[in-house]
Amino acid sequence: MEVYKFGGASIATPERMTALLNIVNQVKVPLIIVISAYGKTTNALEKIVNAACAGQKDKAIEHLTEIEKDHNQYAENIASGENLKQLKQLLEGHYTELNWAIDDAGLKTDEYTYDQIVCMGEILSSTIFSAFLKENNVHHKWIDVRDIVRTDNNFKNANVDEVFTQNKINEIILPELAKNNIIITQGFVGATSDNASTTLGREGSDYSAALFAAMCNASSLSIWKDVEGLLNADPKQFSPTQKIEKITFHEVIEMAYYGAQIIHPKTIKPLQNTNIPLLVKCFLDPSLKGTIVNNDTEKIKYPPLIILKENQVLLQITSRNFSFITEDSISLIYHIFHKHKVKINLIQNAAISLVVCVDSNENKLKSLIADLETEYKVLRNESLNLLTIRHYKEETAQEIIREKEIILEQKTRTTYQAVF
């Protein structure tokens, strides 16, 4: 069996959803399809959250009315007759759940309210996608992922109970898959033991798809995007770029660590552990080969993999009494960074000072620096860029940094980094 994940861009319009029919029909094995919220739905739902949590429930209802109008219009473009009637009844039930969440706002934490509302984007879009398949005579089963994926109550970034979830997959998903051949469910969403909805944080839909692939022992996971595959650099920052035909899980994790907006490491982990390949495919042209990510140990010749993190801050942390920055000092400094949840993107130490490059986040940096200054003198440089090139060539690095004022530079055999 296989797992497909269709993101928000792939179903952003009825026309795009219609184009997915050929992709689904070409699959000859049992298939689980994981659906994201379409288009800007998540942003629209966040407006409801903000209004509801601010006590502006009338404004929240106004935003909900717009979402209802948009989804009903979408429904009318992909279904007709009795199918459309049934779809609208299902959507009305979901709108009612959203109304309840708005009414309950303020009774618990804002994070709790966020998850009860934002999770409905995936529920709504998958319901519409299910009706679209029914309209086109594609036999399948729609399943609410909240009945499958059990999480803790860390709302907005919930942790999955993998043992419980695996048992539910064995109990519900696999038997239904044997009967129906295609299952439609949602990414990004789970539920606590008392049936409160949760969301799984950044890249939660990809992560959900990876969990299903691993727990169902799929032959592969395909993530369908609006690009031809993974590229060696962000085309908005660099031109020209090169498509990566093949890449290892290890290399993807390295790139993500350095800041590439690529597959999130938490998505990679279930696949790497079970040796299930990940395919990044283009829904605009399914005939394109895409990119394969796997555990292959065969030597791969990569182009330079370029990551540019903008809006960086360089902090120079110096001991006040001119004592050496030793292992004990570094341990204390790391503890302070961990306490304030500030990730260090690059680090370099000298005799009495430590220099670190971090993302610019004034709220976090203000309290971090105040804490550091109880023991150290702290200087900062603002509005910087951090360039990382994996598998670099000297000429590539020099071309990018030409005429830049380099503040800090580091090299290993495989990785070049510079702050400018």
Protein backbone atom coordinates (compact mmCIF):
# COMPACT_ATOMS: atom_id res chain seq x y z
CA MET A 1 0.00 0.00 0.00
CA GLU A 2 0.98 3.65 -0.42
CA VAL A 3 0.34 6.94 1.36
CA TYR A 4 -0.29 10.20 -0.49
CA LYS A 5 -0.30 13.60 1.16
CA PHE A 6 -2.10 16.40 -0.69
CA GLY A 7 -1.22 19.81 0.73
CA GLY A 8 -3.26 22.98 0.69
CA ALA A 9 -1.85 24.15 -2.66
CA SER A 10 -2.91 20.93 -4.44
CA ILE A 11 -6.57 21.48 -3.51
CA ALA A 12 -6.54 25.30 -3.42
CA THR A 13 -9.23 25.50 -6.12
CA PRO A 14 -11.89 23.13 -7.49
CA GLU A 15 -9.87 23.00 -10.71
CA ARG A 16 -6.79 21.79 -8.86
CA MET A 17 -8.79 19.22 -6.96
CA THR A 18 -10.27 17.96 -10.21
CA ALA A 19 -6.76 17.51 -11.62
CA LEU A 20 -5.93 15.13 -8.74
CA LEU A 21 -8.45 12.57 -9.98
CA ASN A 22 -6.01 11.15 -12.53
CA ILE A 23 -3.34 10.81 -9.84
CA VAL A 24 -5.72 8.87 -7.58
CA ASN A 25 -7.09 6.70 -10.38
CA GLN A 26 -3.62 5.59 -11.49
CA VAL A 27 -2.85 3.97 -8.12
CA LYS A 28 -3.24 0.20 -8.32
CA VAL A 29 -2.63 -0.61 -4.64
CA PRO A 30 -4.44 0.26 -1.41
CA LEU A 31 -4.02 3.98 -0.71
CA ILE A 32 -4.29 6.29 2.29
CA ILE A 33 -4.74 9.95 1.32
CA VAL A 34 -3.86 12.55 3.95
CA ILE A 35 -5.45 15.96 3.30
CA SER A 36 -4.46 19.44 4.48
CA ALA A 37 -6.70 22.49 4.79
CA TYR A 38 -7.00 24.12 1.39
CA GLY A 39 -5.77 27.55 0.35
CA LYS A 40 -5.80 30.20 3.08
CA THR A 41 -8.27 28.36 5.31
CA THR A 42 -5.89 28.02 8.25
CA ASN A 43 -5.22 31.76 8.21
CA ALA A 44 -8.95 32.44 8.11
CA LEU A 45 -9.55 30.10 11.05
CA GLU A 46 -6.78 31.85 13.01
CA LYS A 47 -8.74 35.10 12.62
CA ILE A 48 -11.66 33.35 14.32
CA VAL A 49 -9.34 32.22 17.12
CA ASN A 50 -7.98 35.73 17.66
CA ALA A 51 -11.43 37.28 17.78
CA ALA A 52 -12.91 34.57 20.00
CA CYS A 53 -10.02 34.70 22.49
CA ALA A 54 -10.31 38.50 22.60
CA GLY A 55 -13.96 38.16 23.61
CA GLN A 56 -15.16 39.45 20.24
CA LYS A 57 -17.48 36.55 19.52
CA ASP A 58 -19.67 38.48 17.08
CA LYS A 59 -16.57 39.22 15.00
CA ALA A 60 -15.56 35.55 15.21
CA ILE A 61 -19.00 34.55 13.86
CA GLU A 62 -18.56 37.03 10.99
CA HIS A 63 -15.26 35.35 10.05
CA LEU A 64 -16.95 31.94 10.31
CA THR A 65 -19.72 33.10 7.96
CA GLU A 66 -17.06 33.91 5.36
CA ILE A 67 -15.51 30.45 5.75
CA GLU A 68 -18.93 28.82 5.39
CA LYS A 69 -19.63 30.83 2.24
CA ASP A 70 -16.27 29.91 0.72
CA HIS A 71 -16.55 26.19 1.49
CA ASN A 72 -20.18 25.98 0.33
CA GLN A 73 -19.23 27.63 -2.96
CA TYR A 74 -16.32 25.20 -3.35
CA ALA A 75 -18.70 22.31 -2.65
CA GLU A 76 -21.06 23.47 -5.39
CA ASN A 77 -18.19 23.29 -7.87
CA ILE A 78 -17.26 19.67 -7.19
CA ALA A 79 -20.57 17.95 -6.35
CA SER A 80 -24.16 17.94 -7.58
CA GLY A 81 -27.59 16.54 -6.85
CA GLU A 82 -27.86 14.17 -3.90
CA ASN A 83 -24.08 14.18 -3.41
CA LEU A 84 -24.09 17.96 -2.98
CA LYS A 85 -27.05 17.78 -0.59
CA GLN A 86 -25.27 15.20 1.58
CA LEU A 87 -22.03 17.19 1.45
CA LYS A 88 -23.71 20.37 2.65
CA GLN A 89 -25.30 18.46 5.52
CA LEU A 90 -21.88 17.19 6.58
CA LEU A 91 -20.40 20.68 6.28
CA GLU A 92 -23.21 22.11 8.42
CA GLY A 93 -22.26 19.65 11.15
CA HIS A 94 -18.66 20.89 11.01
CA TYR A 95 -19.81 24.53 11.11
CA THR A 96 -21.81 23.69 14.23
CA GLU A 97 -18.65 22.29 15.84
CA LEU A 98 -16.91 25.57 15.03
CA ASN A 99 -19.76 27.53 16.61
CA TRP A 100 -19.43 25.47 19.77
CA ALA A 101 -15.70 26.18 19.89
CA ILE A 102 -16.35 29.90 19.56
CA ASP A 103 -18.92 29.77 22.37
CA ASP A 104 -16.45 27.94 24.62
CA ALA A 105 -13.57 30.37 23.98
CA GLY A 106 -12.24 31.73 27.27
CA LEU A 107 -13.24 28.70 29.33
CA LYS A 108 -9.80 27.14 28.82
CA THR A 109 -6.45 28.32 27.47
CA ASP A 110 -6.07 30.18 24.19
CA GLU A 111 -3.97 27.25 22.92
CA TYR A 112 -6.88 24.89 23.63
CA THR A 113 -9.27 27.18 21.74
CA TYR A 114 -6.81 27.44 18.85
CA ASP A 115 -6.75 23.68 18.34
CA GLN A 116 -10.54 23.23 18.57
CA ILE A 117 -10.99 25.81 15.81
CA VAL A 118 -7.96 25.45 13.52
CA CYS A 119 -8.24 21.65 13.27
CA MET A 120 -11.50 22.10 11.38
CA GLY A 121 -9.67 23.28 8.26
CA GLU A 122 -8.49 19.73 7.57
CA ILE A 123 -11.87 18.27 8.52
CA LEU A 124 -13.69 20.58 6.09
CA SER A 125 -11.32 20.10 3.15
CA SER A 126 -11.15 16.31 3.52
CA THR A 127 -14.95 16.17 3.67
CA ILE A 128 -15.13 18.08 0.39
CA PHE A 129 -12.43 15.88 -1.18
CA SER A 130 -14.35 12.78 -0.12
CA ALA A 131 -17.51 14.14 -1.78
CA PHE A 132 -15.48 14.92 -4.91
CA LEU A 133 -14.33 11.28 -5.12
CA LYS A 134 -17.88 10.07 -4.53
CA GLU A 135 -19.11 12.36 -7.31
CA ASN A 136 -16.57 10.69 -9.60
CA ASN A 137 -17.46 7.14 -8.51
CA VAL A 138 -14.22 6.48 -6.64
CA HIS A 139 -15.02 4.05 -3.85
CA HIS A 140 -13.37 5.04 -0.57
CA LYS A 141 -13.86 5.56 3.18
CA TRP A 142 -13.59 8.91 5.00
CA ILE A 143 -12.20 8.59 8.53
CA ASP A 144 -11.90 11.29 11.20
CA VAL A 145 -8.23 11.17 12.22
CA ARG A 146 -9.21 12.24 15.74
CA ASP A 147 -10.51 8.70 16.21
CA ILE A 148 -7.06 7.34 15.31
CA VAL A 149 -4.22 9.64 16.40
CA ARG A 150 -4.02 9.94 20.20
CA THR A 151 -1.94 12.80 21.62
CA ASP A 152 -1.15 14.49 24.92
CA ASN A 153 -2.68 17.87 25.79
CA ASN A 154 0.24 20.00 24.64
CA PHE A 155 -2.08 22.08 22.48
CA LYS A 156 -0.69 23.64 19.26
CA ASN A 157 2.25 21.20 19.32
CA ALA A 158 0.88 17.91 20.63
CA ASN A 159 2.97 14.77 21.04
CA VAL A 160 1.62 11.55 19.55
CA ASP A 161 1.01 8.44 21.66
CA GLU A 162 2.44 6.05 19.10
CA VAL A 163 1.40 2.85 20.89
CA PHE A 164 -2.26 3.87 21.13
CA THR A 165 -2.23 5.22 17.58
CA GLN A 166 -0.69 2.02 16.20
CA ASN A 167 -3.39 -0.02 17.94
CA LYS A 168 -6.11 2.16 16.40
CA ILE A 169 -4.54 1.80 12.96
CA ASN A 170 -4.53 -1.97 13.39
CA GLU A 171 -8.10 -1.94 14.70
CA ILE A 172 -9.71 0.56 12.28
CA ILE A 173 -7.51 1.69 9.39
CA LEU A 174 -6.15 -1.61 8.09
CA PRO A 175 -9.50 -3.45 8.06
CA GLU A 176 -11.20 -0.49 6.34
CA LEU A 177 -8.36 -0.29 3.85
CA ALA A 178 -8.83 -3.97 3.00
CA LYS A 179 -12.54 -3.34 2.34
CA ASN A 180 -12.40 0.04 0.58
CA ASN A 181 -8.92 0.20 -1.00
CA ILE A 182 -8.80 4.01 -0.48
CA ILE A 183 -9.04 5.89 2.82
CA ILE A 184 -9.34 9.67 3.13
CA THR A 185 -8.20 11.25 6.39
CA GLN A 186 -6.63 14.44 7.73
CA GLY A 187 -3.12 15.58 8.52
CA PHE A 188 -1.97 17.93 11.32
CA VAL A 189 -4.74 16.81 13.70
CA GLY A 190 -5.17 14.43 16.62
CA ALA A 191 -7.16 14.20 19.85
CA THR A 192 -6.56 13.73 23.56
CA SER A 193 -7.96 10.90 25.66
CA ASP A 194 -10.96 13.09 26.54
CA ASN A 195 -11.63 13.85 22.84
CA ALA A 196 -10.29 17.40 22.75
CA SER A 197 -8.89 18.19 19.31
CA THR A 198 -5.16 18.88 19.03
CA THR A 199 -2.78 20.02 16.31
CA LEU A 200 0.71 18.65 15.76
CA GLY A 201 2.70 21.84 15.13
CA ARG A 202 4.89 22.86 12.22
CA GLU A 203 4.65 20.57 9.18
CA GLY A 204 2.08 18.50 11.05
CA SER A 205 0.40 17.18 7.90
CA ASP A 206 3.64 15.75 6.51
CA TYR A 207 4.33 14.23 9.93
CA SER A 208 0.85 12.66 10.05
CA ALA A 209 1.39 11.13 6.62
CA ALA A 210 4.77 9.75 7.71
CA LEU A 211 3.22 8.17 10.81
CA PHE A 212 0.53 6.48 8.71
CA ALA A 213 3.15 5.23 6.26
CA ALA A 214 5.35 3.81 9.02
CA MET A 215 2.52 2.27 11.05
CA CYS A 216 0.88 0.71 7.98
CA ASN A 217 4.19 -0.53 6.57
CA ALA A 218 3.62 1.36 3.33
CA SER A 219 5.85 0.86 0.31
CA SER A 220 6.30 4.63 0.00
CA LEU A 221 5.02 8.06 1.04
CA SER A 222 4.39 10.63 -1.70
CA ILE A 223 4.09 14.31 -0.80
CA TRP A 224 2.52 16.23 -3.68
CA LYS A 225 3.72 19.81 -4.14
CA ASP A 226 3.56 22.56 -6.75
CA VAL A 227 7.28 22.19 -7.56
CA GLU A 228 9.08 19.57 -9.65
CA GLY A 229 10.95 18.22 -6.60
CA LEU A 230 13.41 19.37 -3.98
CA LEU A 231 15.77 22.10 -5.16
CA ASN A 232 19.34 22.86 -4.10
CA ALA A 233 18.34 26.39 -3.03
CA ASP A 234 15.30 28.60 -2.52
CA PRO A 235 14.43 29.97 -6.00
CA LYS A 236 13.18 33.18 -4.35
CA GLN A 237 16.73 33.82 -3.11
CA PHE A 238 18.98 32.22 -5.73
CA SER A 239 18.91 31.71 -9.49
CA PRO A 240 19.37 29.40 -11.21
CA THR A 241 18.57 26.42 -8.99
CA GLN A 242 19.04 22.70 -9.62
CA LYS A 243 16.59 19.91 -8.91
CA ILE A 244 17.84 17.19 -6.60
CA GLU A 245 17.04 13.79 -8.10
CA LYS A 246 17.96 11.77 -5.02
CA ILE A 247 18.91 12.62 -1.45
CA THR A 248 19.36 10.72 1.80
CA PHE A 249 17.31 11.18 4.96
CA HIS A 250 20.52 12.22 6.69
CA GLU A 251 21.16 15.01 4.20
CA VAL A 252 17.59 16.30 4.45
CA ILE A 253 17.90 16.50 8.24
CA GLU A 254 21.21 18.36 7.89
CA MET A 255 19.63 20.88 5.53
CA ALA A 256 16.63 21.37 7.82
CA TYR A 257 18.95 21.92 10.78
CA TYR A 258 20.71 24.71 8.91
CA GLY A 259 17.39 26.38 8.13
CA ALA A 260 16.23 25.04 4.77
CA GLN A 261 12.45 25.13 4.34
CA ILE A 262 12.47 21.48 3.36
CA ILE A 263 10.99 18.30 4.83
CA HIS A 264 10.83 18.66 8.63
CA PRO A 265 13.02 16.23 10.62
CA LYS A 266 10.03 14.93 12.59
CA THR A 267 8.55 13.77 9.27
CA ILE A 268 11.78 12.02 8.35
CA LYS A 269 12.17 10.07 11.60
CA PRO A 270 9.30 7.53 11.17
CA LEU A 271 10.30 6.93 7.55
CA GLN A 272 14.00 6.57 8.26
CA ASN A 273 13.33 4.18 11.13
CA THR A 274 11.22 1.92 8.91
CA ASN A 275 13.22 2.42 5.70
CA ILE A 276 10.21 3.75 3.75
CA PRO A 277 11.17 6.03 0.83
CA LEU A 278 9.71 9.51 0.57
CA LEU A 279 8.79 10.82 -2.89
CA VAL A 280 8.37 14.56 -3.47
CA LYS A 281 6.18 14.84 -6.56
CA CYS A 282 4.60 17.63 -8.61
CA PHE A 283 0.81 17.56 -8.78
CA LEU A 284 0.92 20.04 -11.67
CA ASP A 285 2.77 17.46 -13.79
CA PRO A 286 2.67 13.95 -12.28
CA SER A 287 4.82 12.62 -15.13
CA LEU A 288 7.86 14.40 -13.67
CA LYS A 289 10.22 12.11 -11.77
CA GLY A 290 10.35 14.27 -8.63
CA THR A 291 12.81 13.65 -5.81
CA ILE A 292 13.34 10.43 -3.86
CA VAL A 293 14.49 10.57 -0.24
CA ASN A 294 15.68 7.32 1.31
CA ASN A 295 18.31 5.51 3.37
CA ASP A 296 20.44 4.57 0.36
CA THR A 297 24.10 4.50 1.36
CA GLU A 298 25.27 4.69 -2.24
CA LYS A 299 27.52 7.70 -2.78
CA ILE A 300 25.42 10.56 -4.18
CA LYS A 301 27.04 13.46 -5.98
CA TYR A 302 25.17 16.54 -4.78
CA PRO A 303 25.18 20.01 -6.25
CA PRO A 304 26.00 22.72 -3.69
CA LEU A 305 23.05 22.79 -1.28
CA ILE A 306 22.53 26.44 -0.37
CA ILE A 307 20.60 27.74 2.66
CA LEU A 308 20.30 31.44 3.49
CA LYS A 309 18.77 32.47 6.81
CA GLU A 310 17.92 36.14 6.92
CA ASN A 311 17.17 38.41 9.88
CA GLN A 312 19.92 37.01 12.08
CA VAL A 313 21.57 38.45 15.21
CA LEU A 314 25.17 37.82 16.24
CA LEU A 315 25.78 37.85 20.00
CA GLN A 316 29.27 38.15 21.47
CA ILE A 317 29.28 36.84 25.04
CA THR A 318 32.41 37.83 26.98
CA SER A 319 33.43 36.96 30.53
CA ARG A 320 33.48 40.07 32.72
CA ASN A 321 36.52 39.02 34.76
CA PHE A 322 38.61 37.89 31.74
CA SER A 323 38.37 34.24 32.78
CA PHE A 324 38.51 31.60 30.05
CA ILE A 325 35.32 30.36 28.39
CA THR A 326 35.67 26.74 29.46
CA GLU A 327 33.40 23.70 29.26
CA ASP A 328 31.70 24.81 32.49
CA SER A 329 31.05 28.28 31.04
CA ILE A 330 29.70 26.89 27.79
CA SER A 331 27.42 24.51 29.72
CA LEU A 332 26.00 27.44 31.70
CA ILE A 333 25.50 29.52 28.56
CA TYR A 334 23.76 26.64 26.76
CA HIS A 335 21.48 26.20 29.77
CA ILE A 336 20.45 29.86 29.54
CA PHE A 337 19.72 29.55 25.82
CA HIS A 338 17.68 26.41 26.47
CA LYS A 339 15.76 28.17 29.26
CA HIS A 340 14.70 30.95 26.87
CA LYS A 341 14.06 28.54 23.97
CA VAL A 342 16.55 30.29 21.67
CA LYS A 343 18.20 27.98 19.10
CA ILE A 344 21.85 28.59 18.30
CA ASN A 345 22.37 28.50 14.53
CA LEU A 346 26.15 28.88 14.61
CA ILE A 347 28.75 29.08 17.39
CA GLN A 348 32.42 30.01 17.63
CA ASN A 349 34.48 30.45 20.78
CA ALA A 350 37.72 32.21 21.66
CA ALA A 351 39.67 32.46 24.92
CA ILE A 352 37.32 34.76 26.84
CA SER A 353 34.34 35.08 24.51
CA LEU A 354 31.71 33.06 22.71
CA VAL A 355 30.01 34.23 19.52
CA VAL A 356 26.61 32.81 18.53
CA CYS A 357 24.27 33.48 15.63
CA VAL A 358 20.53 33.27 16.38
CA ASP A 359 17.21 34.19 14.79
CA SER A 360 16.02 37.71 15.50
CA ASN A 361 13.17 37.52 18.02
CA GLU A 362 13.18 40.59 20.23
CA ASN A 363 10.87 39.19 22.90
CA LYS A 364 13.09 36.15 23.45
CA LEU A 365 16.38 38.02 23.01
CA LYS A 366 15.52 40.71 25.53
CA SER A 367 15.03 38.21 28.36
CA LEU A 368 17.93 36.03 27.14
CA ILE A 369 20.41 38.89 27.15
CA ALA A 370 19.20 40.11 30.55
CA ASP A 371 19.88 36.63 31.93
CA LEU A 372 23.30 36.38 30.27
CA GLU A 373 24.33 39.83 31.52
CA THR A 374 24.23 38.68 35.14
CA GLU A 375 27.52 36.88 34.38
CA TYR A 376 28.75 38.16 31.02
CA LYS A 377 29.09 41.23 28.85
CA VAL A 378 26.92 40.89 25.73
CA LEU A 379 27.32 42.76 22.43
CA ARG A 380 25.01 42.29 19.45
CA ASN A 381 25.06 42.86 15.69
CA GLU A 382 21.66 43.13 13.98
CA SER A 383 20.14 42.53 10.53
CA LEU A 384 22.59 39.87 9.40
CA ASN A 385 22.41 36.83 7.12
CA LEU A 386 23.68 33.31 7.75
CA LEU A 387 24.78 31.46 4.63
CA THR A 388 25.30 27.69 4.73
CA ILE A 389 26.50 25.65 1.75
CA ARG A 390 26.60 21.88 2.04
CA HIS A 391 28.93 20.11 -0.43
CA TYR A 392 30.28 23.52 -1.34
CA LYS A 393 32.62 24.48 -4.08
CA GLU A 394 34.95 27.37 -3.33
CA GLU A 395 33.85 29.26 -6.41
CA THR A 396 30.17 28.92 -5.42
CA ALA A 397 30.82 30.37 -1.98
CA GLN A 398 32.95 33.20 -3.31
CA GLU A 399 30.34 34.15 -5.89
CA ILE A 400 27.63 34.46 -3.23
CA ILE A 401 29.70 36.39 -0.67
CA ARG A 402 31.37 38.66 -3.22
CA GLU A 403 31.29 42.28 -2.02
CA LYS A 404 29.74 41.19 1.30
CA GLU A 405 31.28 42.21 4.62
CA ILE A 406 32.00 38.86 6.24
CA ILE A 407 31.76 39.04 10.04
CA LEU A 408 32.29 35.35 10.77
CA GLU A 409 33.31 32.39 8.61
CA GLN A 410 33.62 28.64 9.22
CA LYS A 411 34.55 25.71 6.99
CA THR A 412 34.65 21.93 7.23
CA ARG A 413 35.30 19.45 4.42
CA THR A 414 31.60 19.43 3.50
CA THR A 415 30.05 22.59 4.94
CA TYR A 416 30.79 26.31 4.48
CA GLN A 417 29.15 28.96 6.68
CA ALA A 418 29.42 32.73 6.71
CA VAL A 419 27.66 35.55 8.54
CA PHE A 420 27.41 38.86 6.70
